[in-house]
Amino acid sequence: MEEENWEKFIEQFKIKYQTIGYIQSPAFSNIQIHFNHYGLRHLLFKIRKLRSRGDIRRRIFLLPYAINILKNDKTVTVLSSICSKEFEDD
């Protein structure tokens, strides 16, 4: 992706990201998970260094899935059953 297109892509993503606001997450005892400038910075940077374009692209692509997982109350059930099976196998 050319530099100009990349910058436009990132700017469009930033605008879209800011519209998320927060979500209630049954997976974390119904706490509000805020999608703010700290989260945006985490998606784009690692230890104050810009992530690679491939890494940023992957994180942006996976973000809607992460939001769906956090919103889904069945996530807790699935995680609980996986964890309990691991302990039973030991």
C-alpha atoms as a PDB file:
ATOM      1  CA  MET A   1       0.000   0.000   0.000  1.00  0.00           C
ATOM      2  CA  GLU A   2       1.383   3.379  -0.972  1.00  0.00           C
ATOM      3  CA  GLU A   3       2.240   5.857   1.775  1.00  0.00           C
ATOM      4  CA  GLU A   4      -0.625   8.205   0.915  1.00  0.00           C
ATOM      5  CA  ASN A   5      -3.169   5.382   0.850  1.00  0.00           C
ATOM      6  CA  TRP A   6      -1.783   3.973   4.092  1.00  0.00           C
ATOM      7  CA  GLU A   7      -2.155   7.304   5.892  1.00  0.00           C
ATOM      8  CA  LYS A   8      -5.710   7.666   4.572  1.00  0.00           C
ATOM      9  CA  PHE A   9      -6.517   4.114   5.701  1.00  0.00           C
ATOM     10  CA  ILE A  10      -5.201   4.824   9.224  1.00  0.00           C
ATOM     11  CA  GLU A  11      -7.105   8.139   9.459  1.00  0.00           C
ATOM     12  CA  GLN A  12     -10.353   6.443   8.397  1.00  0.00           C
ATOM     13  CA  PHE A  13      -9.757   3.705  10.954  1.00  0.00           C
ATOM     14  CA  LYS A  14      -9.130   6.257  13.728  1.00  0.00           C
ATOM     15  CA  ILE A  15     -12.446   7.948  12.974  1.00  0.00           C
ATOM     16  CA  LYS A  16     -14.270   4.615  12.954  1.00  0.00           C
ATOM     17  CA  TYR A  17     -12.524   3.471  16.158  1.00  0.00           C
ATOM     18  CA  GLN A  18     -13.598   6.600  18.027  1.00  0.00           C
ATOM     19  CA  THR A  19     -17.251   5.827  17.273  1.00  0.00           C
ATOM     20  CA  ILE A  20     -17.095   2.524  19.193  1.00  0.00           C
ATOM     21  CA  GLY A  21     -17.068   4.242  22.587  1.00  0.00           C
ATOM     22  CA  TYR A  22     -17.556   1.392  25.037  1.00  0.00           C
ATOM     23  CA  ILE A  23     -19.267  -1.976  25.279  1.00  0.00           C
ATOM     24  CA  GLN A  24     -20.691  -3.995  28.169  1.00  0.00           C
ATOM     25  CA  SER A  25     -18.860  -7.291  28.409  1.00  0.00           C
ATOM     26  CA  PRO A  26     -20.519 -10.329  29.978  1.00  0.00           C
ATOM     27  CA  ALA A  27     -17.172 -12.064  29.497  1.00  0.00           C
ATOM     28  CA  PHE A  28     -15.746  -9.706  32.158  1.00  0.00           C
ATOM     29  CA  SER A  29     -18.610  -9.474  34.688  1.00  0.00           C
ATOM     30  CA  ASN A  30     -20.495  -6.878  32.616  1.00  0.00           C
ATOM     31  CA  ILE A  31     -17.879  -4.177  33.048  1.00  0.00           C
ATOM     32  CA  GLN A  32     -17.656  -1.425  30.478  1.00  0.00           C
ATOM     33  CA  ILE A  33     -14.730  -1.821  28.127  1.00  0.00           C
ATOM     34  CA  HIS A  34     -13.791   1.561  26.713  1.00  0.00           C
ATOM     35  CA  PHE A  35     -12.283   1.934  23.268  1.00  0.00           C
ATOM     36  CA  ASN A  36     -10.350   5.145  23.816  1.00  0.00           C
ATOM     37  CA  HIS A  37      -7.038   6.712  22.805  1.00  0.00           C
ATOM     38  CA  TYR A  38      -5.137   4.224  24.988  1.00  0.00           C
ATOM     39  CA  GLY A  39      -6.563   1.284  23.069  1.00  0.00           C
ATOM     40  CA  LEU A  40      -5.989   2.980  19.741  1.00  0.00           C
ATOM     41  CA  ARG A  41      -2.393   3.646  20.685  1.00  0.00           C
ATOM     42  CA  HIS A  42      -2.016  -0.020  21.695  1.00  0.00           C
ATOM     43  CA  LEU A  43      -3.249  -1.127  18.272  1.00  0.00           C
ATOM     44  CA  LEU A  44      -0.775   1.101  16.457  1.00  0.00           C
ATOM     45  CA  PHE A  45       2.278   1.096  18.734  1.00  0.00           C
ATOM     46  CA  LYS A  46       4.343  -1.297  20.810  1.00  0.00           C
ATOM     47  CA  ILE A  47       6.672   0.161  23.427  1.00  0.00           C
ATOM     48  CA  ARG A  48       6.495   3.600  21.781  1.00  0.00           C
ATOM     49  CA  LYS A  49       7.453   2.177  18.373  1.00  0.00           C
ATOM     50  CA  LEU A  50       5.052   2.001  15.462  1.00  0.00           C
ATOM     51  CA  ARG A  51       4.029  -1.589  14.757  1.00  0.00           C
ATOM     52  CA  SER A  52       4.657  -3.033  11.314  1.00  0.00           C
ATOM     53  CA  ARG A  53       2.006  -2.373   8.702  1.00  0.00           C
ATOM     54  CA  GLY A  54       1.165  -6.065   8.566  1.00  0.00           C
ATOM     55  CA  ASP A  55       0.661  -6.199  12.322  1.00  0.00           C
ATOM     56  CA  ILE A  56      -1.494  -3.056  12.311  1.00  0.00           C
ATOM     57  CA  ARG A  57      -3.564  -4.362   9.401  1.00  0.00           C
ATOM     58  CA  ARG A  58      -4.115  -7.691  11.192  1.00  0.00           C
ATOM     59  CA  ARG A  59      -5.160  -5.984  14.433  1.00  0.00           C
ATOM     60  CA  ILE A  60      -7.578  -3.701  12.593  1.00  0.00           C
ATOM     61  CA  PHE A  61      -9.054  -6.652  10.716  1.00  0.00           C
ATOM     62  CA  LEU A  62      -9.516  -8.675  13.929  1.00  0.00           C
ATOM     63  CA  LEU A  63     -10.994  -5.850  16.018  1.00  0.00           C
ATOM     64  CA  PRO A  64     -14.657  -6.511  15.043  1.00  0.00           C
ATOM     65  CA  TYR A  65     -14.220 -10.155  16.050  1.00  0.00           C
ATOM     66  CA  ALA A  66     -12.746  -9.148  19.403  1.00  0.00           C
ATOM     67  CA  ILE A  67     -15.708  -6.842  20.017  1.00  0.00           C
ATOM     68  CA  ASN A  68     -18.167  -9.644  19.205  1.00  0.00           C
ATOM     69  CA  ILE A  69     -16.354 -12.025  21.537  1.00  0.00           C
ATOM     70  CA  LEU A  70     -16.441  -9.466  24.350  1.00  0.00           C
ATOM     71  CA  LYS A  71     -20.162  -8.803  23.811  1.00  0.00           C
ATOM     72  CA  ASN A  72     -21.122 -12.471  23.696  1.00  0.00           C
ATOM     73  CA  ASP A  73     -22.249 -13.972  26.996  1.00  0.00           C
ATOM     74  CA  LYS A  74     -21.533 -17.452  25.631  1.00  0.00           C
ATOM     75  CA  THR A  75     -17.827 -16.597  25.646  1.00  0.00           C
ATOM     76  CA  VAL A  76     -17.824 -17.063  29.415  1.00  0.00           C
ATOM     77  CA  THR A  77     -19.454 -20.490  29.101  1.00  0.00           C
ATOM     78  CA  VAL A  78     -17.025 -21.644  26.418  1.00  0.00           C
ATOM     79  CA  LEU A  79     -13.988 -20.393  28.331  1.00  0.00           C
ATOM     80  CA  SER A  80     -15.235 -21.982  31.544  1.00  0.00           C
ATOM     81  CA  SER A  81     -15.753 -25.340  29.883  1.00  0.00           C
ATOM     82  CA  ILE A  82     -12.316 -25.223  28.241  1.00  0.00           C
ATOM     83  CA  CYS A  83     -10.614 -24.350  31.520  1.00  0.00           C
ATOM     84  CA  SER A  84     -12.479 -27.006  33.490  1.00  0.00           C
ATOM     85  CA  LYS A  85     -11.595 -29.680  30.891  1.00  0.00           C
ATOM     86  CA  GLU A  86      -7.922 -28.742  31.148  1.00  0.00           C
ATOM     87  CA  PHE A  87      -8.009 -29.171  34.925  1.00  0.00           C
ATOM     88  CA  GLU A  88      -9.892 -32.465  34.658  1.00  0.00           C
ATOM     89  CA  ASP A  89      -7.279 -33.872  32.279  1.00  0.00           C
ATOM     90  CA  ASP A  90      -4.436 -33.230  34.764  1.00  0.00           C
END
